[in-house]
Amino acid sequence: AQNENSNNSIEQQENRVIVKKCIAGNCINGKGT
């Protein structure tokens, strides 16, 4: 996991995070942030 993450560019990192929070709208089905 450490080697895989260290080889990825910033372009690919949005899917490899644990911390996330819906801050507006509907982040399940609809439009949200």
Full PDB file with SEQRES, HELIX, SHEET, SSBOND, CRYST1, ORIGX, SCALE, CONECT and MASTER records, all heavy atoms in Angstrom:
SEQRES   1 A   33  ALA GLN ASN GLU ASN SER ASN ASN SER ILE GLU GLN GLN          
SEQRES   2 A   33  GLU ASN ARG VAL ILE VAL LYS LYS CYS ILE ALA GLY ASN          
SEQRES   3 A   33  CYS ILE ASN GLY LYS GLY THR                                  
HELIX    1 AA1 GLN A    2  SER A    6  1                                   5    
HELIX    2 AA2 ILE A   10  ASN A   15  5                                   6    
SSBOND   1 CYS A   22    CYS A   27                          1555   1555  2.20  
CRYST1    1.000    1.000    1.000  90.00  90.00  90.00 P 1           1          
ORIGX1      1.000000  0.000000  0.000000        0.00000                         
ORIGX2      0.000000  1.000000  0.000000        0.00000                         
ORIGX3      0.000000  0.000000  1.000000        0.00000                         
SCALE1      1.000000  0.000000  0.000000        0.00000                         
SCALE2      0.000000  1.000000  0.000000        0.00000                         
SCALE3      0.000000  0.000000  1.000000        0.00000                         
ATOM      1  N   ALA A   1       0.828  -1.204   0.000  1.00  0.00           N  
ATOM      2  CA  ALA A   1       0.000   0.000   0.000  1.00  0.00           C  
ATOM      3  C   ALA A   1       0.859   1.248   0.000  1.00  0.00           C  
ATOM      4  O   ALA A   1       0.572   2.213  -0.693  1.00  0.00           O  
ATOM      5  CB  ALA A   1      -0.926  -0.008   1.215  1.00  0.00           C  
ATOM      6  N   GLN A   2       1.958   1.256   0.754  1.00  0.00           N  
ATOM      7  CA  GLN A   2       2.829   2.424   0.783  1.00  0.00           C  
ATOM      8  C   GLN A   2       3.484   2.633  -0.573  1.00  0.00           C  
ATOM      9  O   GLN A   2       3.540   3.749  -1.076  1.00  0.00           O  
ATOM     10  CB  GLN A   2       3.902   2.252   1.866  1.00  0.00           C  
ATOM     11  CG  GLN A   2       3.347   2.359   3.267  1.00  0.00           C  
ATOM     12  CD  GLN A   2       4.364   1.983   4.320  1.00  0.00           C  
ATOM     13  OE1 GLN A   2       5.366   1.348   4.032  1.00  0.00           O  
ATOM     14  NE2 GLN A   2       4.095   2.372   5.551  1.00  0.00           N  
ATOM     15  N   ASN A   3       3.966   1.582  -1.202  1.00  0.00           N  
ATOM     16  CA  ASN A   3       4.601   1.704  -2.516  1.00  0.00           C  
ATOM     17  C   ASN A   3       3.595   2.151  -3.567  1.00  0.00           C  
ATOM     18  O   ASN A   3       3.892   2.976  -4.404  1.00  0.00           O  
ATOM     19  CB  ASN A   3       5.236   0.380  -2.942  1.00  0.00           C  
ATOM     20  CG  ASN A   3       6.467   0.063  -2.143  1.00  0.00           C  
ATOM     21  OD1 ASN A   3       7.080   0.950  -1.562  1.00  0.00           O  
ATOM     22  ND2 ASN A   3       6.820  -1.217  -2.082  1.00  0.00           N  
ATOM     23  N   GLU A   4       2.403   1.600  -3.534  1.00  0.00           N  
ATOM     24  CA  GLU A   4       1.374   1.949  -4.510  1.00  0.00           C  
ATOM     25  C   GLU A   4       1.012   3.422  -4.392  1.00  0.00           C  
ATOM     26  O   GLU A   4       0.937   4.131  -5.375  1.00  0.00           O  
ATOM     27  CB  GLU A   4       0.137   1.086  -4.274  1.00  0.00           C  
ATOM     28  CG  GLU A   4      -0.955   1.305  -5.285  1.00  0.00           C  
ATOM     29  CD  GLU A   4      -2.127   0.398  -5.027  1.00  0.00           C  
ATOM     30  OE1 GLU A   4      -1.915  -0.811  -4.866  1.00  0.00           O  
ATOM     31  OE2 GLU A   4      -3.252   0.907  -4.985  1.00  0.00           O  
ATOM     32  N   ASN A   5       0.799   3.915  -3.195  1.00  0.00           N  
ATOM     33  CA  ASN A   5       0.429   5.312  -2.996  1.00  0.00           C  
ATOM     34  C   ASN A   5       1.564   6.260  -3.330  1.00  0.00           C  
ATOM     35  O   ASN A   5       1.336   7.344  -3.837  1.00  0.00           O  
ATOM     36  CB  ASN A   5      -0.043   5.556  -1.564  1.00  0.00           C  
ATOM     37  CG  ASN A   5      -1.408   4.959  -1.308  1.00  0.00           C  
ATOM     38  OD1 ASN A   5      -2.176   4.782  -2.239  1.00  0.00           O  
ATOM     39  ND2 ASN A   5      -1.688   4.639  -0.074  1.00  0.00           N  
ATOM     40  N   SER A   6       2.793   5.874  -3.071  1.00  0.00           N  
ATOM     41  CA  SER A   6       3.907   6.782  -3.334  1.00  0.00           C  
ATOM     42  C   SER A   6       4.158   6.956  -4.830  1.00  0.00           C  
ATOM     43  O   SER A   6       4.732   7.948  -5.253  1.00  0.00           O  
ATOM     44  CB  SER A   6       5.182   6.279  -2.649  1.00  0.00           C  
ATOM     45  OG  SER A   6       5.590   5.053  -3.210  1.00  0.00           O  
ATOM     46  N   ASN A   7       3.707   6.022  -5.662  1.00  0.00           N  
ATOM     47  CA  ASN A   7       3.917   6.109  -7.105  1.00  0.00           C  
ATOM     48  C   ASN A   7       2.797   6.835  -7.835  1.00  0.00           C  
ATOM     49  O   ASN A   7       2.886   7.062  -9.022  1.00  0.00           O  
ATOM     50  CB  ASN A   7       4.072   4.700  -7.697  1.00  0.00           C  
ATOM     51  CG  ASN A   7       5.347   4.046  -7.254  1.00  0.00           C  
ATOM     52  OD1 ASN A   7       6.325   4.727  -6.948  1.00  0.00           O  
ATOM     53  ND2 ASN A   7       5.351   2.733  -7.177  1.00  0.00           N  
ATOM     54  N   ASN A   8       1.717   7.189  -7.152  1.00  0.00           N  
ATOM     55  CA  ASN A   8       0.578   7.830  -7.819  1.00  0.00           C  
ATOM     56  C   ASN A   8       0.735   9.337  -7.833  1.00  0.00           C  
ATOM     57  O   ASN A   8       1.197   9.940  -6.891  1.00  0.00           O  
ATOM     58  CB  ASN A   8      -0.722   7.460  -7.118  1.00  0.00           C  
ATOM     59  CG  ASN A   8      -1.078   6.015  -7.347  1.00  0.00           C  
ATOM     60  OD1 ASN A   8      -0.894   5.510  -8.440  1.00  0.00           O  
ATOM     61  ND2 ASN A   8      -1.571   5.354  -6.332  1.00  0.00           N  
ATOM     62  N   SER A   9       0.292   9.951  -8.918  1.00  0.00           N  
ATOM     63  CA  SER A   9       0.327  11.401  -9.022  1.00  0.00           C  
ATOM     64  C   SER A   9      -0.841  11.996  -8.260  1.00  0.00           C  
ATOM     65  O   SER A   9      -1.775  11.308  -7.870  1.00  0.00           O  
ATOM     66  CB  SER A   9       0.237  11.824 -10.495  1.00  0.00           C  
ATOM     67  OG  SER A   9      -1.042  11.536 -10.994  1.00  0.00           O  
ATOM     68  N   ILE A  10      -0.796  13.296  -8.041  1.00  0.00           N  
ATOM     69  CA  ILE A  10      -1.885  14.003  -7.367  1.00  0.00           C  
ATOM     70  C   ILE A  10      -3.190  13.810  -8.129  1.00  0.00           C  
ATOM     71  O   ILE A  10      -4.263  13.752  -7.540  1.00  0.00           O  
ATOM     72  CB  ILE A  10      -1.551  15.499  -7.173  1.00  0.00           C  
ATOM     73  CG1 ILE A  10      -2.548  16.168  -6.213  1.00  0.00           C  
ATOM     74  CG2 ILE A  10      -1.542  16.239  -8.487  1.00  0.00           C  
ATOM     75  CD1 ILE A  10      -2.331  15.818  -4.791  1.00  0.00           C  
ATOM     76  N   GLU A  11      -3.095  13.635  -9.434  1.00  0.00           N  
ATOM     77  CA  GLU A  11      -4.280  13.437 -10.273  1.00  0.00           C  
ATOM     78  C   GLU A  11      -5.065  12.204  -9.848  1.00  0.00           C  
ATOM     79  O   GLU A  11      -6.272  12.145  -9.999  1.00  0.00           O  
ATOM     80  CB  GLU A  11      -3.836  13.296 -11.732  1.00  0.00           C  
ATOM     81  CG  GLU A  11      -4.947  13.083 -12.715  1.00  0.00           C  
ATOM     82  CD  GLU A  11      -4.436  12.906 -14.121  1.00  0.00           C  
ATOM     83  OE1 GLU A  11      -3.220  12.974 -14.349  1.00  0.00           O  
ATOM     84  OE2 GLU A  11      -5.258  12.696 -15.016  1.00  0.00           O  
ATOM     85  N   GLN A  12      -4.400  11.204  -9.299  1.00  0.00           N  
ATOM     86  CA  GLN A  12      -5.055   9.954  -8.952  1.00  0.00           C  
ATOM     87  C   GLN A  12      -5.374   9.831  -7.464  1.00  0.00           C  
ATOM     88  O   GLN A  12      -5.946   8.856  -7.047  1.00  0.00           O  
ATOM     89  CB  GLN A  12      -4.170   8.788  -9.370  1.00  0.00           C  
ATOM     90  CG  GLN A  12      -3.949   8.756 -10.867  1.00  0.00           C  
ATOM     91  CD  GLN A  12      -2.881   7.766 -11.266  1.00  0.00           C  
ATOM     92  OE1 GLN A  12      -1.980   7.475 -10.501  1.00  0.00           O  
ATOM     93  NE2 GLN A  12      -2.977   7.257 -12.468  1.00  0.00           N  
ATOM     94  N   GLN A  13      -5.031  10.810  -6.655  1.00  0.00           N  
ATOM     95  CA  GLN A  13      -5.144  10.657  -5.213  1.00  0.00           C  
ATOM     96  C   GLN A  13      -6.533  10.872  -4.647  1.00  0.00           C  
ATOM     97  O   GLN A  13      -6.775  10.475  -3.522  1.00  0.00           O  
ATOM     98  CB  GLN A  13      -4.165  11.597  -4.499  1.00  0.00           C  
ATOM     99  CG  GLN A  13      -2.741  11.152  -4.645  1.00  0.00           C  
ATOM    100  CD  GLN A  13      -1.793  12.081  -3.930  1.00  0.00           C  
ATOM    101  OE1 GLN A  13      -2.205  13.009  -3.262  1.00  0.00           O  
ATOM    102  NE2 GLN A  13      -0.516  11.828  -4.078  1.00  0.00           N  
ATOM    103  N   GLU A  14      -7.472  11.458  -5.355  1.00  0.00           N  
ATOM    104  CA  GLU A  14      -8.761  11.746  -4.745  1.00  0.00           C  
ATOM    105  C   GLU A  14      -9.499  10.490  -4.314  1.00  0.00           C  
ATOM    106  O   GLU A  14     -10.303  10.525  -3.410  1.00  0.00           O  
ATOM    107  CB  GLU A  14      -9.634  12.632  -5.635  1.00  0.00           C  
ATOM    108  CG  GLU A  14     -10.428  11.915  -6.703  1.00  0.00           C  
ATOM    109  CD  GLU A  14      -9.668  11.717  -7.990  1.00  0.00           C  
ATOM    110  OE1 GLU A  14      -8.478  12.063  -8.057  1.00  0.00           O  
ATOM    111  OE2 GLU A  14     -10.256  11.215  -8.955  1.00  0.00           O  
ATOM    112  N   ASN A  15      -9.229   9.347  -4.919  1.00  0.00           N  
ATOM    113  CA  ASN A  15      -9.904   8.100  -4.546  1.00  0.00           C  
ATOM    114  C   ASN A  15      -9.202   7.365  -3.409  1.00  0.00           C  
ATOM    115  O   ASN A  15      -9.720   6.387  -2.907  1.00  0.00           O  
ATOM    116  CB  ASN A  15      -9.989   7.160  -5.756  1.00  0.00           C  
ATOM    117  CG  ASN A  15     -10.988   7.655  -6.760  1.00  0.00           C  
ATOM    118  OD1 ASN A  15     -11.979   8.251  -6.400  1.00  0.00           O  
ATOM    119  ND2 ASN A  15     -10.711   7.415  -8.029  1.00  0.00           N  
ATOM    120  N   ARG A  16      -8.027   7.790  -3.008  1.00  0.00           N  
ATOM    121  CA  ARG A  16      -7.241   7.065  -2.036  1.00  0.00           C  
ATOM    122  C   ARG A  16      -7.238   7.732  -0.663  1.00  0.00           C  
ATOM    123  O   ARG A  16      -6.251   7.668   0.041  1.00  0.00           O  
ATOM    124  CB  ARG A  16      -5.821   6.921  -2.535  1.00  0.00           C  
ATOM    125  CG  ARG A  16      -5.755   6.060  -3.794  1.00  0.00           C  
ATOM    126  CD  ARG A  16      -4.362   5.759  -4.169  1.00  0.00           C  
ATOM    127  NE  ARG A  16      -4.073   4.908  -5.251  1.00  0.00           N  
ATOM    128  CZ  ARG A  16      -4.784   4.569  -6.287  1.00  0.00           C  
ATOM    129  NH1 ARG A  16      -5.979   5.010  -6.433  1.00  0.00           N  
ATOM    130  NH2 ARG A  16      -4.340   3.789  -7.225  1.00  0.00           N  
ATOM    131  N   VAL A  17      -8.308   8.371  -0.292  1.00  0.00           N  
ATOM    132  CA  VAL A  17      -8.372   9.044   0.994  1.00  0.00           C  
ATOM    133  C   VAL A  17      -9.490   8.458   1.840  1.00  0.00           C  
ATOM    134  O   VAL A  17     -10.453   7.926   1.324  1.00  0.00           O  
ATOM    135  CB  VAL A  17      -8.573  10.570   0.833  1.00  0.00           C  
ATOM    136  CG1 VAL A  17      -7.396  11.201   0.142  1.00  0.00           C  
ATOM    137  CG2 VAL A  17      -9.846  10.884   0.101  1.00  0.00           C  
ATOM    138  N   ILE A  18      -9.317   8.583   3.129  1.00  0.00           N  
ATOM    139  CA  ILE A  18     -10.313   8.082   4.048  1.00  0.00           C  
ATOM    140  C   ILE A  18     -11.199   9.226   4.540  1.00  0.00           C  
ATOM    141  O   ILE A  18     -12.386   9.064   4.728  1.00  0.00           O  
ATOM    142  CB  ILE A  18      -9.631   7.366   5.224  1.00  0.00           C  
ATOM    143  CG1 ILE A  18      -8.874   6.146   4.706  1.00  0.00           C  
ATOM    144  CG2 ILE A  18     -10.645   6.948   6.277  1.00  0.00           C  
ATOM    145  CD1 ILE A  18      -7.955   5.501   5.689  1.00  0.00           C  
ATOM    146  N   VAL A  19     -10.603  10.401   4.735  1.00  0.00           N  
ATOM    147  CA  VAL A  19     -11.318  11.531   5.289  1.00  0.00           C  
ATOM    148  C   VAL A  19     -12.146  12.216   4.202  1.00  0.00           C  
ATOM    149  O   VAL A  19     -11.604  12.685   3.218  1.00  0.00           O  
ATOM    150  CB  VAL A  19     -10.334  12.550   5.907  1.00  0.00           C  
ATOM    151  CG1 VAL A  19     -11.080  13.744   6.465  1.00  0.00           C  
ATOM    152  CG2 VAL A  19      -9.487  11.888   6.964  1.00  0.00           C  
ATOM    153  N   LYS A  20     -13.471  12.213   4.389  1.00  0.00           N  
ATOM    154  CA  LYS A  20     -14.346  12.929   3.475  1.00  0.00           C  
ATOM    155  C   LYS A  20     -15.616  13.304   4.232  1.00  0.00           C  
ATOM    156  O   LYS A  20     -16.034  12.617   5.157  1.00  0.00           O  
ATOM    157  CB  LYS A  20     -14.642  12.131   2.216  1.00  0.00           C  
ATOM    158  CG  LYS A  20     -15.345  10.812   2.414  1.00  0.00           C  
ATOM    159  CD  LYS A  20     -15.502  10.106   1.079  1.00  0.00           C  
ATOM    160  CE  LYS A  20     -16.345   8.850   1.251  1.00  0.00           C  
ATOM    161  NZ  LYS A  20     -16.570   8.189  -0.024  1.00  0.00           N  
ATOM    162  N   LYS A  21     -16.227  14.421   3.786  1.00  0.00           N  
ATOM    163  CA  LYS A  21     -17.417  14.922   4.470  1.00  0.00           C  
ATOM    164  C   LYS A  21     -18.280  15.682   3.467  1.00  0.00           C  
ATOM    165  O   LYS A  21     -17.791  16.575   2.770  1.00  0.00           O  
ATOM    166  CB  LYS A  21     -17.006  15.845   5.608  1.00  0.00           C  
ATOM    167  CG  LYS A  21     -18.170  16.427   6.369  1.00  0.00           C  
ATOM    168  CD  LYS A  21     -17.677  17.353   7.468  1.00  0.00           C  
ATOM    169  CE  LYS A  21     -18.880  17.966   8.165  1.00  0.00           C  
ATOM    170  NZ  LYS A  21     -18.479  18.942   9.151  1.00  0.00           N  
ATOM    171  N   CYS A  22     -19.569  15.335   3.415  1.00  0.00           N  
ATOM    172  CA  CYS A  22     -20.501  16.058   2.555  1.00  0.00           C  
ATOM    173  C   CYS A  22     -20.765  17.416   3.202  1.00  0.00           C  
ATOM    174  O   CYS A  22     -21.230  17.486   4.340  1.00  0.00           O  
ATOM    175  CB  CYS A  22     -21.801  15.281   2.392  1.00  0.00           C  
ATOM    176  SG  CYS A  22     -22.917  16.023   1.179  1.00  0.00           S  
ATOM    177  N   ILE A  23     -20.424  18.500   2.492  1.00  0.00           N  
ATOM    178  CA  ILE A  23     -20.564  19.834   3.087  1.00  0.00           C  
ATOM    179  C   ILE A  23     -21.729  20.628   2.495  1.00  0.00           C  
ATOM    180  O   ILE A  23     -22.055  21.690   3.012  1.00  0.00           O  
ATOM    181  CB  ILE A  23     -19.246  20.641   2.985  1.00  0.00           C  
ATOM    182  CG1 ILE A  23     -18.767  20.772   1.546  1.00  0.00           C  
ATOM    183  CG2 ILE A  23     -18.174  20.001   3.854  1.00  0.00           C  
ATOM    184  CD1 ILE A  23     -17.535  21.641   1.366  1.00  0.00           C  
ATOM    185  N   ALA A  24     -22.365  20.116   1.436  1.00  0.00           N  
ATOM    186  CA  ALA A  24     -23.527  20.806   0.863  1.00  0.00           C  
ATOM    187  C   ALA A  24     -24.286  19.857  -0.048  1.00  0.00           C  
ATOM    188  O   ALA A  24     -23.693  19.021  -0.725  1.00  0.00           O  
ATOM    189  CB  ALA A  24     -23.096  22.039   0.077  1.00  0.00           C  
ATOM    190  N   GLY A  25     -25.594  20.006  -0.066  1.00  0.00           N  
ATOM    191  CA  GLY A  25     -26.419  19.261  -1.007  1.00  0.00           C  
ATOM    192  C   GLY A  25     -26.552  17.796  -0.673  1.00  0.00           C  
ATOM    193  O   GLY A  25     -26.418  17.373   0.470  1.00  0.00           O  
ATOM    194  N   ASN A  26     -26.777  17.002  -1.736  1.00  0.00           N  
ATOM    195  CA  ASN A  26     -27.013  15.572  -1.602  1.00  0.00           C  
ATOM    196  C   ASN A  26     -25.837  14.812  -2.218  1.00  0.00           C  
ATOM    197  O   ASN A  26     -25.702  14.749  -3.435  1.00  0.00           O  
ATOM    198  CB  ASN A  26     -28.323  15.211  -2.312  1.00  0.00           C  
ATOM    199  CG  ASN A  26     -28.687  13.763  -2.173  1.00  0.00           C  
ATOM    200  OD1 ASN A  26     -27.871  12.920  -1.828  1.00  0.00           O  
ATOM    201  ND2 ASN A  26     -29.944  13.447  -2.464  1.00  0.00           N  
ATOM    202  N   CYS A  27     -24.997  14.221  -1.388  1.00  0.00           N  
ATOM    203  CA  CYS A  27     -23.813  13.488  -1.856  1.00  0.00           C  
ATOM    204  C   CYS A  27     -24.091  11.993  -1.992  1.00  0.00           C  
ATOM    205  O   CYS A  27     -23.152  11.193  -2.066  1.00  0.00           O  
ATOM    206  CB  CYS A  27     -22.650  13.728  -0.911  1.00  0.00           C  
ATOM    207  SG  CYS A  27     -22.150  15.463  -0.805  1.00  0.00           S  
ATOM    208  N   ILE A  28     -25.354  11.621  -2.025  1.00  0.00           N  
ATOM    209  CA  ILE A  28     -25.733  10.223  -2.256  1.00  0.00           C  
ATOM    210  C   ILE A  28     -26.351  10.098  -3.647  1.00  0.00           C  
ATOM    211  O   ILE A  28     -25.829   9.395  -4.501  1.00  0.00           O  
ATOM    212  CB  ILE A  28     -26.727   9.718  -1.177  1.00  0.00           C  
ATOM    213  CG1 ILE A  28     -26.126   9.858   0.226  1.00  0.00           C  
ATOM    214  CG2 ILE A  28     -27.128   8.269  -1.458  1.00  0.00           C  
ATOM    215  CD1 ILE A  28     -24.891   9.017   0.483  1.00  0.00           C  
ATOM    216  N   ASN A  29     -27.438  10.779  -3.878  1.00  0.00           N  
ATOM    217  CA  ASN A  29     -28.126  10.783  -5.178  1.00  0.00           C  
ATOM    218  C   ASN A  29     -28.605  12.195  -5.455  1.00  0.00           C  
ATOM    219  O   ASN A  29     -29.604  12.635  -4.893  1.00  0.00           O  
ATOM    220  CB  ASN A  29     -29.324   9.822  -5.175  1.00  0.00           C  
ATOM    221  CG  ASN A  29     -28.901   8.373  -5.195  1.00  0.00           C  
ATOM    222  OD1 ASN A  29     -28.170   7.952  -6.078  1.00  0.00           O  
ATOM    223  ND2 ASN A  29     -29.354   7.625  -4.212  1.00  0.00           N  
ATOM    224  N   GLY A  30     -27.899  12.920  -6.280  1.00  0.00           N  
ATOM    225  CA  GLY A  30     -28.276  14.300  -6.580  1.00  0.00           C  
ATOM    226  C   GLY A  30     -27.042  15.143  -6.815  1.00  0.00           C  
ATOM    227  O   GLY A  30     -26.025  14.658  -7.292  1.00  0.00           O  
ATOM    228  N   LYS A  31     -27.137  16.407  -6.439  1.00  0.00           N  
ATOM    229  CA  LYS A  31     -26.017  17.330  -6.612  1.00  0.00           C  
ATOM    230  C   LYS A  31     -25.541  17.744  -5.223  1.00  0.00           C  
ATOM    231  O   LYS A  31     -26.332  18.155  -4.383  1.00  0.00           O  
ATOM    232  CB  LYS A  31     -26.447  18.562  -7.415  1.00  0.00           C  
ATOM    233  CG  LYS A  31     -25.285  19.467  -7.754  1.00  0.00           C  
ATOM    234  CD  LYS A  31     -25.700  20.585  -8.696  1.00  0.00           C  
ATOM    235  CE  LYS A  31     -24.456  21.401  -9.050  1.00  0.00           C  
ATOM    236  NZ  LYS A  31     -24.788  22.495  -9.947  1.00  0.00           N  
ATOM    237  N   GLY A  32     -24.218  17.615  -5.016  1.00  0.00           N  
ATOM    238  CA  GLY A  32     -23.681  17.939  -3.710  1.00  0.00           C  
ATOM    239  C   GLY A  32     -22.203  18.255  -3.770  1.00  0.00           C  
ATOM    240  O   GLY A  32     -21.547  18.095  -4.796  1.00  0.00           O  
ATOM    241  N   THR A  33     -21.680  18.701  -2.628  1.00  0.00           N  
ATOM    242  CA  THR A  33     -20.265  19.060  -2.501  1.00  0.00           C  
ATOM    243  C   THR A  33     -19.648  18.228  -1.393  1.00  0.00           C  
ATOM    244  O   THR A  33     -20.152  18.211  -0.267  1.00  0.00           O  
ATOM    245  CB  THR A  33     -20.118  20.555  -2.175  1.00  0.00           C  
ATOM    246  OG1 THR A  33     -20.780  21.316  -3.195  1.00  0.00           O  
ATOM    247  CG2 THR A  33     -18.659  20.960  -2.114  1.00  0.00           C  
TER     248      THR A  33                                                      
CONECT  176  207                                                                
CONECT  207  176                                                                
MASTER        0    0    0    2    0    0    0    6  247    1    2    3          
END                                                                             
